[in-house]
Amino acid sequence: MEKLPPACPQCGQAMVLSAFSCGPCKSRLEGSFELPPLARLSPDDQAFVCAFVRVHGNLRRMEELFDISYPTVKNRLNAVSKQLDAAFEAPDERSVVLDRLARGEITVAQALELLP
C-alpha cells in the first residue's frame, strides 16, 4: 500500500481523498474527504511529530534522536506548529450556538439571543 502524498505533486495544493475501501469485504465509500492536519505534513515532519510524542516532548531527547542542536529542534517544532495552526479552523460562533442547541444545552430562546 502506498503512503498518502501530503500535497498534490503537480500543483502543491492540498489533496482530497475521494474513496475509502475495505479489502476483506470490498465495501467502498466515495465522497470528498479532507486529510486530517497531521496527514498533511510531509513524511519527515510526521516522523518528527511522532518522535516528539514518544519522548513526551523532551527536547534534549529530540536533540539526541535527530542529532541536531536544541535551537534546530525548537525551529523545527515552530515550523510544524505553524503548519498545523494554518490547518486549524475554529468553528464560527453561529455553529457553536446551534451545536449547543442540538445537544440540549440551551433552549431555543437562549439560542436566538446568542445568535448574531
PDB file of N, CA and C in Angstrom:
ATOM      1  N   MET A   1       0.835  -1.170   0.000  1.00  0.00           N
ATOM      2  CA  MET A   1       0.000   0.000   0.000  1.00  0.00           C
ATOM      3  C   MET A   1       0.890   1.247   0.000  1.00  0.00           C
ATOM      4  N   GLU A   2       0.527   2.229  -0.774  1.00  0.00           N
ATOM      5  CA  GLU A   2       1.317   3.452  -0.867  1.00  0.00           C
ATOM      6  C   GLU A   2       0.911   4.444   0.211  1.00  0.00           C
ATOM      7  N   LYS A   3       1.848   5.336   0.557  1.00  0.00           N
ATOM      8  CA  LYS A   3       1.564   6.380   1.545  1.00  0.00           C
ATOM      9  C   LYS A   3       0.879   7.546   0.857  1.00  0.00           C
ATOM     10  N   LEU A   4       0.070   8.269   1.646  1.00  0.00           N
ATOM     11  CA  LEU A   4      -0.609   9.446   1.113  1.00  0.00           C
ATOM     12  C   LEU A   4       0.393  10.557   0.848  1.00  0.00           C
ATOM     13  N   PRO A   5       0.300  11.210  -0.299  1.00  0.00           N
ATOM     14  CA  PRO A   5       1.156  12.378  -0.511  1.00  0.00           C
ATOM     15  C   PRO A   5       0.590  13.553   0.297  1.00  0.00           C
ATOM     16  N   PRO A   6       1.442  14.367   0.904  1.00  0.00           N
ATOM     17  CA  PRO A   6       0.939  15.478   1.716  1.00  0.00           C
ATOM     18  C   PRO A   6       0.322  16.598   0.879  1.00  0.00           C
ATOM     19  N   ALA A   7       0.664  16.660  -0.402  1.00  0.00           N
ATOM     20  CA  ALA A   7       0.135  17.701  -1.288  1.00  0.00           C
ATOM     21  C   ALA A   7       0.137  17.172  -2.711  1.00  0.00           C
ATOM     22  N   CYS A   8      -0.572  17.854  -3.578  1.00  0.00           N
ATOM     23  CA  CYS A   8      -0.617  17.458  -4.988  1.00  0.00           C
ATOM     24  C   CYS A   8       0.784  17.551  -5.582  1.00  0.00           C
ATOM     25  N   PRO A   9       1.267  16.467  -6.191  1.00  0.00           N
ATOM     26  CA  PRO A   9       2.611  16.510  -6.768  1.00  0.00           C
ATOM     27  C   PRO A   9       2.722  17.451  -7.962  1.00  0.00           C
ATOM     28  N   GLN A  10       1.592  17.805  -8.559  1.00  0.00           N
ATOM     29  CA  GLN A  10       1.623  18.688  -9.726  1.00  0.00           C
ATOM     30  C   GLN A  10       1.563  20.169  -9.359  1.00  0.00           C
ATOM     31  N   CYS A  11       0.583  20.530  -8.489  1.00  0.00           N
ATOM     32  CA  CYS A  11       0.400  21.962  -8.193  1.00  0.00           C
ATOM     33  C   CYS A  11       0.727  22.346  -6.759  1.00  0.00           C
ATOM     34  N   GLY A  12       0.903  21.350  -5.864  1.00  0.00           N
ATOM     35  CA  GLY A  12       1.271  21.648  -4.485  1.00  0.00           C
ATOM     36  C   GLY A  12       0.101  21.942  -3.562  1.00  0.00           C
ATOM     37  N   GLN A  13      -1.121  21.951  -4.083  1.00  0.00           N
ATOM     38  CA  GLN A  13      -2.287  22.226  -3.246  1.00  0.00           C
ATOM     39  C   GLN A  13      -2.655  20.995  -2.423  1.00  0.00           C
ATOM     40  N   ALA A  14      -3.490  21.204  -1.405  1.00  0.00           N
ATOM     41  CA  ALA A  14      -3.922  20.106  -0.538  1.00  0.00           C
ATOM     42  C   ALA A  14      -4.729  19.084  -1.339  1.00  0.00           C
ATOM     43  N   MET A  15      -4.475  17.820  -1.053  1.00  0.00           N
ATOM     44  CA  MET A  15      -5.195  16.737  -1.713  1.00  0.00           C
ATOM     45  C   MET A  15      -6.477  16.431  -0.943  1.00  0.00           C
ATOM     46  N   VAL A  16      -7.467  15.881  -1.654  1.00  0.00           N
ATOM     47  CA  VAL A  16      -8.725  15.454  -1.063  1.00  0.00           C
ATOM     48  C   VAL A  16      -8.909  13.984  -1.409  1.00  0.00           C
ATOM     49  N   LEU A  17      -9.221  13.173  -0.415  1.00  0.00           N
ATOM     50  CA  LEU A  17      -9.494  11.763  -0.668  1.00  0.00           C
ATOM     51  C   LEU A  17     -10.861  11.639  -1.321  1.00  0.00           C
ATOM     52  N   SER A  18     -10.980  10.735  -2.271  1.00  0.00           N
ATOM     53  CA  SER A  18     -12.269  10.571  -2.943  1.00  0.00           C
ATOM     54  C   SER A  18     -12.914   9.225  -2.657  1.00  0.00           C
ATOM     55  N   ALA A  19     -12.176   8.288  -2.069  1.00  0.00           N
ATOM     56  CA  ALA A  19     -12.779   6.989  -1.784  1.00  0.00           C
ATOM     57  C   ALA A  19     -12.002   6.248  -0.700  1.00  0.00           C
ATOM     58  N   PHE A  20     -12.736   5.437   0.063  1.00  0.00           N
ATOM     59  CA  PHE A  20     -12.167   4.503   1.019  1.00  0.00           C
ATOM     60  C   PHE A  20     -12.700   3.130   0.641  1.00  0.00           C
ATOM     61  N   SER A  21     -11.895   2.107   0.811  1.00  0.00           N
ATOM     62  CA  SER A  21     -12.393   0.764   0.523  1.00  0.00           C
ATOM     63  C   SER A  21     -11.897  -0.208   1.586  1.00  0.00           C
ATOM     64  N   CYS A  22     -12.685  -1.265   1.780  1.00  0.00           N
ATOM     65  CA  CYS A  22     -12.351  -2.317   2.736  1.00  0.00           C
ATOM     66  C   CYS A  22     -11.901  -3.528   1.937  1.00  0.00           C
ATOM     67  N   GLY A  23     -10.659  -3.956   2.130  1.00  0.00           N
ATOM     68  CA  GLY A  23     -10.129  -5.097   1.409  1.00  0.00           C
ATOM     69  C   GLY A  23     -10.916  -6.374   1.604  1.00  0.00           C
ATOM     70  N   PRO A  24     -11.172  -6.781   2.852  1.00  0.00           N
ATOM     71  CA  PRO A  24     -11.854  -8.064   3.068  1.00  0.00           C
ATOM     72  C   PRO A  24     -13.269  -8.144   2.483  1.00  0.00           C
ATOM     73  N   CYS A  25     -14.101  -7.108   2.707  1.00  0.00           N
ATOM     74  CA  CYS A  25     -15.492  -7.210   2.250  1.00  0.00           C
ATOM     75  C   CYS A  25     -15.779  -6.428   0.980  1.00  0.00           C
ATOM     76  N   LYS A  26     -14.797  -5.693   0.487  1.00  0.00           N
ATOM     77  CA  LYS A  26     -14.917  -4.931  -0.756  1.00  0.00           C
ATOM     78  C   LYS A  26     -15.916  -3.775  -0.679  1.00  0.00           C
ATOM     79  N   SER A  27     -16.302  -3.358   0.539  1.00  0.00           N
ATOM     80  CA  SER A  27     -17.155  -2.179   0.678  1.00  0.00           C
ATOM     81  C   SER A  27     -16.375  -0.965   0.211  1.00  0.00           C
ATOM     82  N   ARG A  28     -17.102   0.020  -0.298  1.00  0.00           N
ATOM     83  CA  ARG A  28     -16.449   1.225  -0.813  1.00  0.00           C
ATOM     84  C   ARG A  28     -17.278   2.436  -0.393  1.00  0.00           C
ATOM     85  N   LEU A  29     -16.600   3.456   0.082  1.00  0.00           N
ATOM     86  CA  LEU A  29     -17.233   4.711   0.470  1.00  0.00           C
ATOM     87  C   LEU A  29     -16.626   5.811  -0.381  1.00  0.00           C
ATOM     88  N   GLU A  30     -17.461   6.482  -1.148  1.00  0.00           N
ATOM     89  CA  GLU A  30     -16.974   7.543  -2.026  1.00  0.00           C
ATOM     90  C   GLU A  30     -17.524   8.882  -1.578  1.00  0.00           C
ATOM     91  N   GLY A  31     -16.749   9.910  -1.794  1.00  0.00           N
ATOM     92  CA  GLY A  31     -17.146  11.259  -1.423  1.00  0.00           C
ATOM     93  C   GLY A  31     -15.953  12.174  -1.531  1.00  0.00           C
ATOM     94  N   SER A  32     -15.982  13.238  -0.771  1.00  0.00           N
ATOM     95  CA  SER A  32     -14.884  14.188  -0.748  1.00  0.00           C
ATOM     96  C   SER A  32     -14.432  14.324   0.698  1.00  0.00           C
ATOM     97  N   PHE A  33     -13.290  13.709   1.023  1.00  0.00           N
ATOM     98  CA  PHE A  33     -12.812  13.650   2.395  1.00  0.00           C
ATOM     99  C   PHE A  33     -11.504  14.424   2.521  1.00  0.00           C
ATOM    100  N   GLU A  34     -11.467  15.340   3.469  1.00  0.00           N
ATOM    101  CA  GLU A  34     -10.271  16.143   3.706  1.00  0.00           C
ATOM    102  C   GLU A  34      -9.284  15.362   4.561  1.00  0.00           C
ATOM    103  N   LEU A  35      -8.009  15.472   4.244  1.00  0.00           N
ATOM    104  CA  LEU A  35      -6.978  14.840   5.069  1.00  0.00           C
ATOM    105  C   LEU A  35      -6.895  15.545   6.414  1.00  0.00           C
ATOM    106  N   PRO A  36      -6.698  14.795   7.506  1.00  0.00           N
ATOM    107  CA  PRO A  36      -6.506  15.455   8.804  1.00  0.00           C
ATOM    108  C   PRO A  36      -5.192  16.242   8.802  1.00  0.00           C
ATOM    109  N   PRO A  37      -5.096  17.263   9.649  1.00  0.00           N
ATOM    110  CA  PRO A  37      -3.906  18.123   9.645  1.00  0.00           C
ATOM    111  C   PRO A  37      -2.578  17.378   9.742  1.00  0.00           C
ATOM    112  N   LEU A  38      -2.473  16.364  10.582  1.00  0.00           N
ATOM    113  CA  LEU A  38      -1.205  15.643  10.708  1.00  0.00           C
ATOM    114  C   LEU A  38      -0.849  14.909   9.420  1.00  0.00           C
ATOM    115  N   ALA A  39      -1.847  14.434   8.694  1.00  0.00           N
ATOM    116  CA  ALA A  39      -1.591  13.726   7.441  1.00  0.00           C
ATOM    117  C   ALA A  39      -1.138  14.676   6.338  1.00  0.00           C
ATOM    118  N   ARG A  40      -1.375  15.969   6.524  1.00  0.00           N
ATOM    119  CA  ARG A  40      -0.957  16.961   5.522  1.00  0.00           C
ATOM    120  C   ARG A  40       0.514  17.346   5.666  1.00  0.00           C
ATOM    121  N   LEU A  41       1.127  16.938   6.784  1.00  0.00           N
ATOM    122  CA  LEU A  41       2.549  17.216   6.973  1.00  0.00           C
ATOM    123  C   LEU A  41       3.376  16.311   6.074  1.00  0.00           C
ATOM    124  N   SER A  42       4.578  16.736   5.769  1.00  0.00           N
ATOM    125  CA  SER A  42       5.486  15.891   4.991  1.00  0.00           C
ATOM    126  C   SER A  42       5.825  14.644   5.814  1.00  0.00           C
ATOM    127  N   PRO A  43       6.248  13.567   5.154  1.00  0.00           N
ATOM    128  CA  PRO A  43       6.626  12.367   5.915  1.00  0.00           C
ATOM    129  C   PRO A  43       7.705  12.647   6.961  1.00  0.00           C
ATOM    130  N   ASP A  44       8.668  13.509   6.652  1.00  0.00           N
ATOM    131  CA  ASP A  44       9.712  13.857   7.628  1.00  0.00           C
ATOM    132  C   ASP A  44       9.121  14.568   8.844  1.00  0.00           C
ATOM    133  N   ASP A  45       8.195  15.499   8.594  1.00  0.00           N
ATOM    134  CA  ASP A  45       7.575  16.216   9.707  1.00  0.00           C
ATOM    135  C   ASP A  45       6.673  15.300  10.523  1.00  0.00           C
ATOM    136  N   GLN A  46       6.002  14.357   9.866  1.00  0.00           N
ATOM    137  CA  GLN A  46       5.188  13.388  10.594  1.00  0.00           C
ATOM    138  C   GLN A  46       6.068  12.552  11.522  1.00  0.00           C
ATOM    139  N   ALA A  47       7.207  12.117  11.019  1.00  0.00           N
ATOM    140  CA  ALA A  47       8.136  11.327  11.845  1.00  0.00           C
ATOM    141  C   ALA A  47       8.636  12.170  13.020  1.00  0.00           C
ATOM    142  N   PHE A  48       8.896  13.445  12.786  1.00  0.00           N
ATOM    143  CA  PHE A  48       9.360  14.353  13.826  1.00  0.00           C
ATOM    144  C   PHE A  48       8.306  14.477  14.928  1.00  0.00           C
ATOM    145  N   VAL A  49       7.048  14.662  14.529  1.00  0.00           N
ATOM    146  CA  VAL A  49       5.954  14.787  15.498  1.00  0.00           C
ATOM    147  C   VAL A  49       5.790  13.480  16.281  1.00  0.00           C
ATOM    148  N   CYS A  50       5.859  12.349  15.597  1.00  0.00           N
ATOM    149  CA  CYS A  50       5.751  11.048  16.279  1.00  0.00           C
ATOM    150  C   CYS A  50       6.861  10.879  17.315  1.00  0.00           C
ATOM    151  N   ALA A  51       8.069  11.240  16.925  1.00  0.00           N
ATOM    152  CA  ALA A  51       9.199  11.129  17.857  1.00  0.00           C
ATOM    153  C   ALA A  51       8.985  12.057  19.052  1.00  0.00           C
ATOM    154  N   PHE A  52       8.513  13.262  18.807  1.00  0.00           N
ATOM    155  CA  PHE A  52       8.266  14.238  19.864  1.00  0.00           C
ATOM    156  C   PHE A  52       7.263  13.678  20.879  1.00  0.00           C
ATOM    157  N   VAL A  53       6.212  13.053  20.384  1.00  0.00           N
ATOM    158  CA  VAL A  53       5.204  12.463  21.273  1.00  0.00           C
ATOM    159  C   VAL A  53       5.805  11.287  22.036  1.00  0.00           C
ATOM    160  N   ARG A  54       6.570  10.464  21.354  1.00  0.00           N
ATOM    161  CA  ARG A  54       7.144   9.279  22.002  1.00  0.00           C
ATOM    162  C   ARG A  54       8.119   9.632  23.122  1.00  0.00           C
ATOM    163  N   VAL A  55       8.830  10.785  22.997  1.00  0.00           N
ATOM    164  CA  VAL A  55       9.756  11.194  24.059  1.00  0.00           C
ATOM    165  C   VAL A  55       9.086  12.176  25.024  1.00  0.00           C
ATOM    166  N   HIS A  56       7.744  12.256  24.936  1.00  0.00           N
ATOM    167  CA  HIS A  56       6.955  13.094  25.842  1.00  0.00           C
ATOM    168  C   HIS A  56       7.387  14.566  25.805  1.00  0.00           C
ATOM    169  N   GLY A  57       7.771  15.030  24.637  1.00  0.00           N
ATOM    170  CA  GLY A  57       8.118  16.434  24.481  1.00  0.00           C
ATOM    171  C   GLY A  57       9.484  16.820  25.034  1.00  0.00           C
ATOM    172  N   ASN A  58      10.319  15.860  25.325  1.00  0.00           N
ATOM    173  CA  ASN A  58      11.649  16.141  25.869  1.00  0.00           C
ATOM    174  C   ASN A  58      12.574  16.602  24.725  1.00  0.00           C
ATOM    175  N   LEU A  59      12.870  17.895  24.712  1.00  0.00           N
ATOM    176  CA  LEU A  59      13.662  18.462  23.612  1.00  0.00           C
ATOM    177  C   LEU A  59      15.099  17.952  23.607  1.00  0.00           C
ATOM    178  N   ARG A  60      15.644  17.652  24.768  1.00  0.00           N
ATOM    179  CA  ARG A  60      17.009  17.104  24.830  1.00  0.00           C
ATOM    180  C   ARG A  60      17.058  15.735  24.139  1.00  0.00           C
ATOM    181  N   ARG A  61      16.009  14.910  24.365  1.00  0.00           N
ATOM    182  CA  ARG A  61      15.954  13.604  23.694  1.00  0.00           C
ATOM    183  C   ARG A  61      15.803  13.785  22.179  1.00  0.00           C
ATOM    184  N   MET A  62      15.062  14.812  21.782  1.00  0.00           N
ATOM    185  CA  MET A  62      14.893  15.088  20.347  1.00  0.00           C
ATOM    186  C   MET A  62      16.248  15.446  19.732  1.00  0.00           C
ATOM    187  N   GLU A  63      17.045  16.213  20.476  1.00  0.00           N
ATOM    188  CA  GLU A  63      18.398  16.543  20.006  1.00  0.00           C
ATOM    189  C   GLU A  63      19.179  15.266  19.721  1.00  0.00           C
ATOM    190  N   GLU A  64      19.124  14.345  20.671  1.00  0.00           N
ATOM    191  CA  GLU A  64      19.872  13.088  20.538  1.00  0.00           C
ATOM    192  C   GLU A  64      19.333  12.231  19.391  1.00  0.00           C
ATOM    193  N   LEU A  65      18.017  12.100  19.318  1.00  0.00           N
ATOM    194  CA  LEU A  65      17.412  11.248  18.292  1.00  0.00           C
ATOM    195  C   LEU A  65      17.733  11.718  16.869  1.00  0.00           C
ATOM    196  N   PHE A  66      17.677  13.030  16.671  1.00  0.00           N
ATOM    197  CA  PHE A  66      17.854  13.569  15.330  1.00  0.00           C
ATOM    198  C   PHE A  66      19.250  14.140  15.091  1.00  0.00           C
ATOM    199  N   ASP A  67      20.080  14.087  16.141  1.00  0.00           N
ATOM    200  CA  ASP A  67      21.448  14.605  16.053  1.00  0.00           C
ATOM    201  C   ASP A  67      21.465  16.042  15.522  1.00  0.00           C
ATOM    202  N   ILE A  68      20.624  16.867  16.175  1.00  0.00           N
ATOM    203  CA  ILE A  68      20.536  18.288  15.823  1.00  0.00           C
ATOM    204  C   ILE A  68      20.592  19.102  17.110  1.00  0.00           C
ATOM    205  N   SER A  69      20.877  20.383  16.972  1.00  0.00           N
ATOM    206  CA  SER A  69      21.007  21.253  18.141  1.00  0.00           C
ATOM    207  C   SER A  69      19.637  21.625  18.715  1.00  0.00           C
ATOM    208  N   TYR A  70      19.659  22.071  19.958  1.00  0.00           N
ATOM    209  CA  TYR A  70      18.436  22.496  20.631  1.00  0.00           C
ATOM    210  C   TYR A  70      17.705  23.581  19.829  1.00  0.00           C
ATOM    211  N   PRO A  71      18.407  24.640  19.358  1.00  0.00           N
ATOM    212  CA  PRO A  71      17.709  25.662  18.560  1.00  0.00           C
ATOM    213  C   PRO A  71      17.092  25.085  17.281  1.00  0.00           C
ATOM    214  N   THR A  72      17.741  24.079  16.695  1.00  0.00           N
ATOM    215  CA  THR A  72      17.189  23.460  15.491  1.00  0.00           C
ATOM    216  C   THR A  72      15.915  22.690  15.816  1.00  0.00           C
ATOM    217  N   VAL A  73      15.912  21.993  16.952  1.00  0.00           N
ATOM    218  CA  VAL A  73      14.701  21.295  17.394  1.00  0.00           C
ATOM    219  C   VAL A  73      13.576  22.308  17.563  1.00  0.00           C
ATOM    220  N   LYS A  74      13.855  23.401  18.267  1.00  0.00           N
ATOM    221  CA  LYS A  74      12.843  24.438  18.502  1.00  0.00           C
ATOM    222  C   LYS A  74      12.340  25.021  17.191  1.00  0.00           C
ATOM    223  N   ASN A  75      13.252  25.323  16.269  1.00  0.00           N
ATOM    224  CA  ASN A  75      12.851  25.893  14.978  1.00  0.00           C
ATOM    225  C   ASN A  75      11.972  24.928  14.199  1.00  0.00           C
ATOM    226  N   ARG A  76      12.342  23.661  14.231  1.00  0.00           N
ATOM    227  CA  ARG A  76      11.561  22.663  13.502  1.00  0.00           C
ATOM    228  C   ARG A  76      10.176  22.504  14.125  1.00  0.00           C
ATOM    229  N   LEU A  77      10.111  22.483  15.454  1.00  0.00           N
ATOM    230  CA  LEU A  77       8.812  22.409  16.125  1.00  0.00           C
ATOM    231  C   LEU A  77       7.954  23.626  15.810  1.00  0.00           C
ATOM    232  N   ASN A  78       8.568  24.794  15.786  1.00  0.00           N
ATOM    233  CA  ASN A  78       7.831  26.013  15.444  1.00  0.00           C
ATOM    234  C   ASN A  78       7.286  25.948  14.022  1.00  0.00           C
ATOM    235  N   ALA A  79       8.082  25.412  13.094  1.00  0.00           N
ATOM    236  CA  ALA A  79       7.648  25.299  11.699  1.00  0.00           C
ATOM    237  C   ALA A  79       6.471  24.324  11.576  1.00  0.00           C
ATOM    238  N   VAL A  80       6.562  23.197  12.272  1.00  0.00           N
ATOM    239  CA  VAL A  80       5.464  22.217  12.235  1.00  0.00           C
ATOM    240  C   VAL A  80       4.221  22.822  12.884  1.00  0.00           C
ATOM    241  N   SER A  81       4.413  23.495  14.001  1.00  0.00           N
ATOM    242  CA  SER A  81       3.300  24.127  14.693  1.00  0.00           C
ATOM    243  C   SER A  81       2.603  25.146  13.798  1.00  0.00           C
ATOM    244  N   LYS A  82       3.376  25.897  13.062  1.00  0.00           N
ATOM    245  CA  LYS A  82       2.819  26.909  12.150  1.00  0.00           C
ATOM    246  C   LYS A  82       1.964  26.233  11.068  1.00  0.00           C
ATOM    247  N   GLN A  83       2.441  25.101  10.551  1.00  0.00           N
ATOM    248  CA  GLN A  83       1.664  24.363   9.546  1.00  0.00           C
ATOM    249  C   GLN A  83       0.357  23.850  10.127  1.00  0.00           C
ATOM    250  N   LEU A  84       0.428  23.331  11.351  1.00  0.00           N
ATOM    251  CA  LEU A  84      -0.775  22.808  11.987  1.00  0.00           C
ATOM    252  C   LEU A  84      -1.749  23.931  12.327  1.00  0.00           C
ATOM    253  N   ASP A  85      -1.228  25.076  12.771  1.00  0.00           N
ATOM    254  CA  ASP A  85      -2.089  26.222  13.059  1.00  0.00           C
ATOM    255  C   ASP A  85      -2.828  26.679  11.807  1.00  0.00           C
ATOM    256  N   ALA A  86      -2.147  26.650  10.664  1.00  0.00           N
ATOM    257  CA  ALA A  86      -2.764  27.067   9.411  1.00  0.00           C
ATOM    258  C   ALA A  86      -3.894  26.118   9.020  1.00  0.00           C
ATOM    259  N   ALA A  87      -3.794  24.853   9.429  1.00  0.00           N
ATOM    260  CA  ALA A  87      -4.807  23.860   9.077  1.00  0.00           C
ATOM    261  C   ALA A  87      -6.010  23.906  10.016  1.00  0.00           C
ATOM    262  N   PHE A  88      -5.847  24.535  11.172  1.00  0.00           N
ATOM    263  CA  PHE A  88      -6.915  24.560  12.159  1.00  0.00           C
ATOM    264  C   PHE A  88      -7.880  25.699  11.859  1.00  0.00           C
ATOM    265  N   GLU A  89      -9.154  25.351  11.802  1.00  0.00           N
ATOM    266  CA  GLU A  89     -10.182  26.367  11.617  1.00  0.00           C
ATOM    267  C   GLU A  89     -11.118  26.314  12.805  1.00  0.00           C
ATOM    268  N   ALA A  90     -11.203  27.408  13.522  1.00  0.00           N
ATOM    269  CA  ALA A  90     -12.117  27.461  14.660  1.00  0.00           C
ATOM    270  C   ALA A  90     -13.552  27.533  14.124  1.00  0.00           C
ATOM    271  N   PRO A  91     -14.485  26.852  14.769  1.00  0.00           N
ATOM    272  CA  PRO A  91     -15.874  26.914  14.307  1.00  0.00           C
ATOM    273  C   PRO A  91     -16.425  28.325  14.485  1.00  0.00           C
ATOM    274  N   ASP A  92     -17.277  28.729  13.554  1.00  0.00           N
ATOM    275  CA  ASP A  92     -17.846  30.068  13.686  1.00  0.00           C
ATOM    276  C   ASP A  92     -18.844  30.084  14.847  1.00  0.00           C
ATOM    277  N   GLU A  93     -19.114  31.276  15.343  1.00  0.00           N
ATOM    278  CA  GLU A  93     -19.942  31.457  16.539  1.00  0.00           C
ATOM    279  C   GLU A  93     -21.336  30.867  16.346  1.00  0.00           C
ATOM    280  N   ARG A  94     -21.881  31.026  15.153  1.00  0.00           N
ATOM    281  CA  ARG A  94     -23.228  30.515  14.852  1.00  0.00           C
ATOM    282  C   ARG A  94     -23.279  28.984  14.986  1.00  0.00           C
ATOM    283  N   SER A  95     -22.261  28.304  14.479  1.00  0.00           N
ATOM    284  CA  SER A  95     -22.211  26.839  14.560  1.00  0.00           C
ATOM    285  C   SER A  95     -22.132  26.370  16.003  1.00  0.00           C
ATOM    286  N   VAL A  96     -21.363  27.077  16.812  1.00  0.00           N
ATOM    287  CA  VAL A  96     -21.221  26.710  18.222  1.00  0.00           C
ATOM    288  C   VAL A  96     -22.574  26.807  18.923  1.00  0.00           C
ATOM    289  N   VAL A  97     -23.306  27.873  18.668  1.00  0.00           N
ATOM    290  CA  VAL A  97     -24.619  28.053  19.297  1.00  0.00           C
ATOM    291  C   VAL A  97     -25.578  26.957  18.835  1.00  0.00           C
ATOM    292  N   LEU A  98     -25.604  26.679  17.541  1.00  0.00           N
ATOM    293  CA  LEU A  98     -26.503  25.648  17.014  1.00  0.00           C
ATOM    294  C   LEU A  98     -26.145  24.256  17.533  1.00  0.00           C
ATOM    295  N   ASP A  99     -24.859  23.983  17.686  1.00  0.00           N
ATOM    296  CA  ASP A  99     -24.436  22.703  18.264  1.00  0.00           C
ATOM    297  C   ASP A  99     -24.903  22.570  19.719  1.00  0.00           C
ATOM    298  N   ARG A 100     -24.773  23.658  20.471  1.00  0.00           N
ATOM    299  CA  ARG A 100     -25.230  23.635  21.865  1.00  0.00           C
ATOM    300  C   ARG A 100     -26.739  23.396  21.933  1.00  0.00           C
ATOM    301  N   LEU A 101     -27.475  24.015  21.018  1.00  0.00           N
ATOM    302  CA  LEU A 101     -28.918  23.825  20.952  1.00  0.00           C
ATOM    303  C   LEU A 101     -29.241  22.361  20.620  1.00  0.00           C
ATOM    304  N   ALA A 102     -28.541  21.785  19.655  1.00  0.00           N
ATOM    305  CA  ALA A 102     -28.776  20.398  19.244  1.00  0.00           C
ATOM    306  C   ALA A 102     -28.494  19.420  20.389  1.00  0.00           C
ATOM    307  N   ARG A 103     -27.516  19.746  21.221  1.00  0.00           N
ATOM    308  CA  ARG A 103     -27.187  18.868  22.358  1.00  0.00           C
ATOM    309  C   ARG A 103     -28.116  19.093  23.553  1.00  0.00           C
ATOM    310  N   GLY A 104     -29.009  20.089  23.453  1.00  0.00           N
ATOM    311  CA  GLY A 104     -29.945  20.357  24.541  1.00  0.00           C
ATOM    312  C   GLY A 104     -29.351  21.167  25.675  1.00  0.00           C
ATOM    313  N   GLU A 105     -28.190  21.781  25.432  1.00  0.00           N
ATOM    314  CA  GLU A 105     -27.540  22.574  26.484  1.00  0.00           C
ATOM    315  C   GLU A 105     -28.217  23.926  26.694  1.00  0.00           C
ATOM    316  N   ILE A 106     -28.888  24.421  25.645  1.00  0.00           N
ATOM    317  CA  ILE A 106     -29.585  25.706  25.730  1.00  0.00           C
ATOM    318  C   ILE A 106     -30.956  25.551  25.075  1.00  0.00           C
ATOM    319  N   THR A 107     -31.844  26.473  25.403  1.00  0.00           N
ATOM    320  CA  THR A 107     -33.186  26.453  24.816  1.00  0.00           C
ATOM    321  C   THR A 107     -33.181  27.233  23.508  1.00  0.00           C
ATOM    322  N   VAL A 108     -34.282  27.113  22.760  1.00  0.00           N
ATOM    323  CA  VAL A 108     -34.417  27.855  21.507  1.00  0.00           C
ATOM    324  C   VAL A 108     -34.351  29.354  21.790  1.00  0.00           C
ATOM    325  N   ALA A 109     -35.010  29.794  22.852  1.00  0.00           N
ATOM    326  CA  ALA A 109     -34.996  31.221  23.196  1.00  0.00           C
ATOM    327  C   ALA A 109     -33.580  31.703  23.489  1.00  0.00           C
ATOM    328  N   GLN A 110     -32.803  30.889  24.233  1.00  0.00           N
ATOM    329  CA  GLN A 110     -31.412  31.259  24.533  1.00  0.00           C
ATOM    330  C   GLN A 110     -30.593  31.290  23.245  1.00  0.00           C
ATOM    331  N   ALA A 111     -30.829  30.316  22.369  1.00  0.00           N
ATOM    332  CA  ALA A 111     -30.089  30.274  21.108  1.00  0.00           C
ATOM    333  C   ALA A 111     -30.361  31.522  20.286  1.00  0.00           C
ATOM    334  N   LEU A 112     -31.620  31.931  20.232  1.00  0.00           N
ATOM    335  CA  LEU A 112     -31.982  33.150  19.459  1.00  0.00           C
ATOM    336  C   LEU A 112     -31.298  34.377  20.018  1.00  0.00           C
ATOM    337  N   GLU A 113     -31.147  34.428  21.327  1.00  0.00           N
ATOM    338  CA  GLU A 113     -30.451  35.562  21.943  1.00  0.00           C
ATOM    339  C   GLU A 113     -28.962  35.558  21.624  1.00  0.00           C
ATOM    340  N   LEU A 114     -28.377  34.356  21.534  1.00  0.00           N
ATOM    341  CA  LEU A 114     -26.944  34.225  21.311  1.00  0.00           C
ATOM    342  C   LEU A 114     -26.538  34.353  19.839  1.00  0.00           C
ATOM    343  N   LEU A 115     -27.464  34.053  18.932  1.00  0.00           N
ATOM    344  CA  LEU A 115     -27.114  34.095  17.517  1.00  0.00           C
ATOM    345  C   LEU A 115     -26.885  35.520  17.056  1.00  0.00           C
ATOM    346  N   PRO A 116     -25.820  35.707  16.253  1.00  0.00           N
ATOM    347  CA  PRO A 116     -25.542  37.066  15.747  1.00  0.00           C
ATOM    348  C   PRO A 116     -26.527  37.495  14.687  1.00  0.00           C
TER     349      PRO A 116
END
